[in-house]
Amino acid sequence: MRLRTIQIVLWSAALAATAAFSIWKLQEPPAPAVLTETEFRPVFSLPDEAGQQRGSAEFRGRYLLVFFGFTNCPDVCPTTLSEVAQVMEDLGSDAGQVQPIFISIDPERDRALGIDDYTAAFHPAILGLAGDQVATAAAASSFRIYFEREEDDAAPDGYTMSHSPGLFLIGPDGQWLRQYAYGTPAEDILSDLKERF
């Protein structure tokens, strides 16, 4: 009889634990959806210096190297654009398969300074785009990048820009393929691109 009582107690405890676990699981928030590659097709629609609207769909069939920055950037932007320029040079006859794009996160000032002159100083193939604040924010949101104005008395005009430093590779179908971290050498980017052609 004593053994039977112990079994009943243990069985009841197991049932109670199972019920408690089930209730806890029901209260648990749903797991975040796993981001699949097909769900990440970043887009932009911004004017070039001539005022012509340029959109991501225009470049279907080519790889895009997209970088967000600003012309008064002292280090990250010129370093990254120098790497992009080297990639374009080293691609040789394959350069037509890649369109490098520089999207300004400080569009008003960059338009005044001349975004074409800035990008051309690195490589003539780099297309500079500078829209209004709304279009810039929409492009940044689509690429999931961060940028913000920061007051700085030592900087030109008393401010600088903080931003995500990654270089994005978009496929010919508009699909996000990867992000190159800041400081990725041109030869590594070139090698990755050539494997995709």
Protein backbone atom coordinates (compact mmCIF):
# COMPACT_ATOMS: atom_id res chain seq x y z
CA MET A 1 0.00 0.00 0.00
CA ARG A 2 2.84 2.36 0.88
CA LEU A 3 4.51 1.72 -2.51
CA ARG A 4 1.24 2.44 -4.27
CA THR A 5 0.89 5.77 -2.43
CA ILE A 6 4.42 6.79 -3.41
CA GLN A 7 3.71 5.94 -7.05
CA ILE A 8 0.52 8.03 -7.00
CA VAL A 9 2.37 10.99 -5.46
CA LEU A 10 5.18 10.79 -8.02
CA TRP A 11 2.70 10.42 -10.87
CA SER A 12 0.73 13.48 -9.66
CA ALA A 13 3.92 15.52 -9.35
CA ALA A 14 4.91 14.61 -12.90
CA LEU A 15 1.48 15.64 -14.20
CA ALA A 16 1.67 18.95 -12.33
CA ALA A 17 5.14 19.67 -13.73
CA THR A 18 3.99 18.86 -17.27
CA ALA A 19 0.97 21.14 -16.91
CA ALA A 20 3.08 23.97 -15.50
CA PHE A 21 5.58 23.63 -18.36
CA SER A 22 2.75 23.68 -20.92
CA ILE A 23 1.25 26.84 -19.40
CA TRP A 24 4.69 28.49 -19.38
CA LYS A 25 5.24 27.63 -23.05
CA LEU A 26 1.85 29.12 -23.94
CA GLN A 27 2.81 32.37 -22.21
CA GLU A 28 6.22 32.47 -23.86
CA PRO A 29 6.38 35.03 -26.71
CA PRO A 30 6.62 33.50 -30.17
CA ALA A 31 10.13 32.99 -31.50
CA PRO A 32 11.20 35.69 -33.97
CA ALA A 33 10.81 34.72 -37.58
CA VAL A 34 14.00 33.49 -39.17
CA LEU A 35 15.14 35.95 -41.82
CA THR A 36 15.57 34.15 -45.11
CA GLU A 37 17.57 35.55 -47.97
CA THR A 38 14.45 36.00 -50.10
CA GLU A 39 13.10 38.44 -47.51
CA PHE A 40 16.02 40.86 -47.78
CA ARG A 41 15.96 42.83 -51.01
CA PRO A 42 16.98 46.35 -50.00
CA VAL A 43 15.87 49.16 -52.28
CA PHE A 44 16.62 52.83 -52.89
CA SER A 45 15.29 55.62 -55.07
CA LEU A 46 17.45 58.73 -54.97
CA PRO A 47 18.60 61.42 -57.41
CA ASP A 48 22.08 61.72 -58.79
CA GLU A 49 23.80 65.12 -58.95
CA ALA A 50 22.03 65.94 -62.24
CA GLY A 51 18.67 65.39 -60.53
CA GLN A 52 17.87 62.15 -62.35
CA GLN A 53 16.09 59.64 -60.12
CA ARG A 54 18.05 56.41 -59.83
CA GLY A 55 16.45 53.33 -58.34
CA SER A 56 17.66 49.88 -57.39
CA ALA A 57 15.52 48.22 -60.10
CA GLU A 58 17.48 50.13 -62.75
CA PHE A 59 20.57 48.05 -62.02
CA ARG A 60 19.07 44.57 -62.32
CA GLY A 61 21.48 42.26 -64.07
CA ARG A 62 24.51 43.78 -62.34
CA TYR A 63 26.08 43.39 -58.93
CA LEU A 64 25.88 46.45 -56.70
CA LEU A 65 28.46 47.55 -54.17
CA VAL A 66 26.52 49.98 -51.98
CA PHE A 67 28.05 52.21 -49.33
CA PHE A 68 26.38 54.87 -47.15
CA GLY A 69 28.58 57.79 -46.15
CA PHE A 70 29.25 61.53 -46.42
CA THR A 71 31.81 63.66 -48.19
CA ASN A 72 33.25 65.26 -45.04
CA CYS A 73 33.97 61.85 -43.50
CA PRO A 74 37.58 61.87 -42.32
CA ASP A 75 38.40 58.16 -42.42
CA VAL A 76 35.81 55.38 -42.91
CA CYS A 77 34.28 56.72 -46.13
CA PRO A 78 37.48 57.54 -48.04
CA THR A 79 39.05 54.27 -46.92
CA THR A 80 36.08 52.22 -48.11
CA LEU A 81 35.73 54.10 -51.39
CA SER A 82 39.44 53.62 -52.03
CA GLU A 83 38.97 49.86 -51.64
CA VAL A 84 35.97 49.97 -53.99
CA ALA A 85 38.01 51.93 -56.53
CA GLN A 86 40.76 49.33 -56.37
CA VAL A 87 38.21 46.56 -56.90
CA MET A 88 36.85 48.31 -59.98
CA GLU A 89 40.35 48.73 -61.40
CA ASP A 90 41.27 45.11 -60.73
CA LEU A 91 38.07 43.76 -62.27
CA GLY A 92 39.34 44.81 -65.69
CA SER A 93 37.00 43.59 -68.41
CA ASP A 94 34.53 42.33 -65.76
CA ALA A 95 34.02 45.82 -64.32
CA GLY A 96 30.81 46.27 -66.30
CA GLN A 97 29.18 43.56 -64.18
CA VAL A 98 29.48 45.70 -61.04
CA GLN A 99 27.97 49.11 -60.21
CA PRO A 100 29.42 50.83 -57.13
CA ILE A 101 27.01 53.25 -55.45
CA PHE A 102 27.68 55.87 -52.78
CA ILE A 103 24.54 56.99 -50.94
CA SER A 104 24.90 60.23 -49.00
CA ILE A 105 23.64 60.32 -45.42
CA ASP A 106 24.31 64.08 -45.36
CA PRO A 107 22.56 64.93 -48.64
CA GLU A 108 22.05 68.68 -48.34
CA ARG A 109 25.68 69.43 -47.58
CA ASP A 110 26.98 66.80 -50.01
CA ARG A 111 24.94 68.21 -52.89
CA ALA A 112 26.36 71.66 -52.16
CA LEU A 113 29.91 70.31 -52.07
CA GLY A 114 29.42 68.31 -55.29
CA ILE A 115 28.91 64.60 -54.84
CA ASP A 116 30.06 63.77 -58.39
CA ASP A 117 33.43 65.44 -57.84
CA TYR A 118 33.81 63.52 -54.60
CA THR A 119 33.06 60.06 -56.05
CA ALA A 120 35.02 60.73 -59.25
CA ALA A 121 38.10 61.45 -57.15
CA PHE A 122 38.06 57.76 -56.23
CA HIS A 123 36.80 56.16 -59.45
CA PRO A 124 34.60 57.37 -62.33
CA ALA A 125 32.35 54.31 -62.07
CA ILE A 126 31.17 55.16 -58.54
CA LEU A 127 27.70 56.68 -58.72
CA GLY A 128 26.90 59.23 -56.02
CA LEU A 129 23.28 59.66 -54.91
CA ALA A 130 21.90 62.33 -52.59
CA GLY A 131 18.17 62.65 -51.96
CA ASP A 132 16.13 64.49 -49.39
CA GLN A 133 15.94 63.43 -45.75
CA VAL A 134 12.86 61.25 -46.28
CA ALA A 135 14.31 59.31 -49.22
CA THR A 136 17.66 58.95 -47.44
CA ALA A 137 15.98 57.58 -44.31
CA ALA A 138 13.93 55.16 -46.44
CA ALA A 139 17.04 53.81 -48.17
CA ALA A 140 18.91 53.46 -44.88
CA SER A 141 15.96 51.66 -43.32
CA SER A 142 15.73 49.28 -46.27
CA PHE A 143 19.42 48.41 -45.92
CA ARG A 144 19.04 48.30 -42.12
CA ILE A 145 21.83 50.75 -41.51
CA TYR A 146 22.15 53.42 -38.83
CA PHE A 147 23.09 57.05 -39.27
CA GLU A 148 22.79 60.16 -37.12
CA ARG A 149 24.00 63.72 -37.06
CA GLU A 150 26.41 64.50 -34.21
CA GLU A 151 27.33 68.01 -33.11
CA ASP A 152 31.09 68.55 -33.20
CA ASP A 153 32.63 72.00 -32.94
CA ALA A 154 35.88 70.73 -34.47
CA ALA A 155 34.17 69.38 -37.61
CA PRO A 156 33.27 71.40 -40.73
CA ASP A 157 30.02 73.32 -40.17
CA GLY A 158 30.06 72.22 -36.52
CA TYR A 159 28.78 68.68 -37.03
CA THR A 160 29.71 65.24 -38.28
CA MET A 161 27.78 62.07 -39.08
CA SER A 162 27.82 58.76 -37.27
CA HIS A 163 26.89 55.77 -39.43
CA SER A 164 27.17 52.04 -40.08
CA PRO A 165 30.41 51.40 -41.98
CA GLY A 166 29.56 48.25 -43.95
CA LEU A 167 29.84 47.81 -47.71
CA PHE A 168 26.88 45.89 -49.12
CA LEU A 169 26.88 43.45 -52.03
CA ILE A 170 23.56 43.14 -53.86
CA GLY A 171 23.05 40.47 -56.51
CA PRO A 172 21.89 40.94 -60.11
CA ASP A 173 18.36 39.98 -59.03
CA GLY A 174 18.30 42.62 -56.28
CA GLN A 175 19.00 40.05 -53.57
CA TRP A 176 21.21 41.01 -50.63
CA LEU A 177 24.24 38.72 -50.75
CA ARG A 178 26.56 39.90 -48.00
CA GLN A 179 28.12 42.77 -46.09
CA TYR A 180 31.84 43.41 -46.15
CA ALA A 181 33.05 44.69 -42.80
CA TYR A 182 34.93 47.98 -42.64
CA GLY A 183 38.56 47.37 -43.49
CA THR A 184 37.95 44.39 -45.81
CA PRO A 185 40.84 44.54 -48.30
CA ALA A 186 40.10 45.10 -51.97
CA GLU A 187 41.65 41.75 -52.87
CA ASP A 188 39.18 39.91 -50.63
CA ILE A 189 36.20 41.74 -52.16
CA LEU A 190 37.57 41.08 -55.65
CA SER A 191 38.05 37.38 -54.94
CA ASP A 192 34.51 37.06 -53.60
CA LEU A 193 33.05 38.85 -56.63
CA LYS A 194 34.95 36.75 -59.16
CA GLU A 195 33.66 33.56 -57.55
CA ARG A 196 30.11 34.81 -58.22
CA PHE A 197 30.51 35.70 -61.91
